[in-house]
Amino acid sequence: MCENKKILITGGSGMVGSQIGFGIKPTHRTLDLTRPKTIEKTLDKYRPDIVLHLAAFTDMLKAERYPKEAYKINVDGTYNLALSCQKRDIYFVYLSTCAVFNGKKQYPYNEKDVPLPVNVYGKTKWLGEKVVQKIIPKSLIIRTGWLFGGNSIDKKFVKTCFEKCLRGELIKATFDRFGSPTYIPDLITKVKQFIDNNTSGIIHVVNSGQVSYFEIAKLIKKLTNSHTVIKPVRAKDVESPLLKRGVMEALISEKIHLRPWQQALQEYIKLLLFDRNNFVLKPKRAKKYKKSI
């Protein structure tokens, strides 16, 4: 079990890492991926059995504007960490992304599909995958995407849409790109299982189903009993021309199966509605929303 293994987590304060209730989470100052000496010092201090590598340059638009920084962290940093782990025979788990594919396929991508990224973020994460596979052949690479469930630090579409529904604000949501929404607690559950079983290879971990942001917004509106207006828009009309993304970002796995994204989303919306650490509703309003779900 995870409790019996010493696990070191990079990016422990991020959207995924902050939701993990186990492991050692050194700060960026303590473990700087761009400074190999800090990696060596940290691994020698904690002597982990497993490294769960979550830290990454994830802002897709910023990666286009600052490609050197993205490569420095996502490629060079991953190389530095993997090399240090290889020397110490440490089991390595690398979190990757659906952005390694070009998005031109008509159906979700499975583990056998060949990556062909079209933006800097996707390219750096794919190179990170190749680095890990080369240095530590028995490593585990997890591809995921369209994450939600980061609670207080969640700044992505689902949380933003939820807040706008409660305020009754206009929501603009794209209808011409498709992905697989992934609930972070479900992802973490799978990570635990993989660690317990020393799983290796490449596995896609997403909640089942493919959907557009427009369809997600409509479900959130229904779950919150909101009267907000949702306007369907094309991705090209709301995104920077600097950033290239494909139409299909959904993933599917030939190895595992997670519950439908709709079930996971409903669970998260309930938590947001009634968790006072995230949202405070007046009693009458809370009772109104409770009846809707």
Foldseek 3Di string as FASTA:
>chain_A
DQVVFAEEEEPLVDLQNVPDPDHHYDDCVQPPLLDLVSLLVVCVVRVGQAYEYDDADPDQVVCLVVVVVRLSCLASSLLSNLQSCLVSVHAYEYEAELQQAQQPDPDAAEQPDDGDHDGSNNVSNVNSVVSNCVSPVLHEYEYEDQEDASFPPDPDLLVVLLVCQVVQEEAEWEFQAKAFYAYSVQVVVVVVVCVVVSHGDYWYDGADDMGGRQVSSVLSNQLQVGPHHYHYDHPVVPDDPSGRHHRYSYHDYPPDHHHHPSVSSSVSSVCCLPPVVRDDDDPVSSVVSVVSD
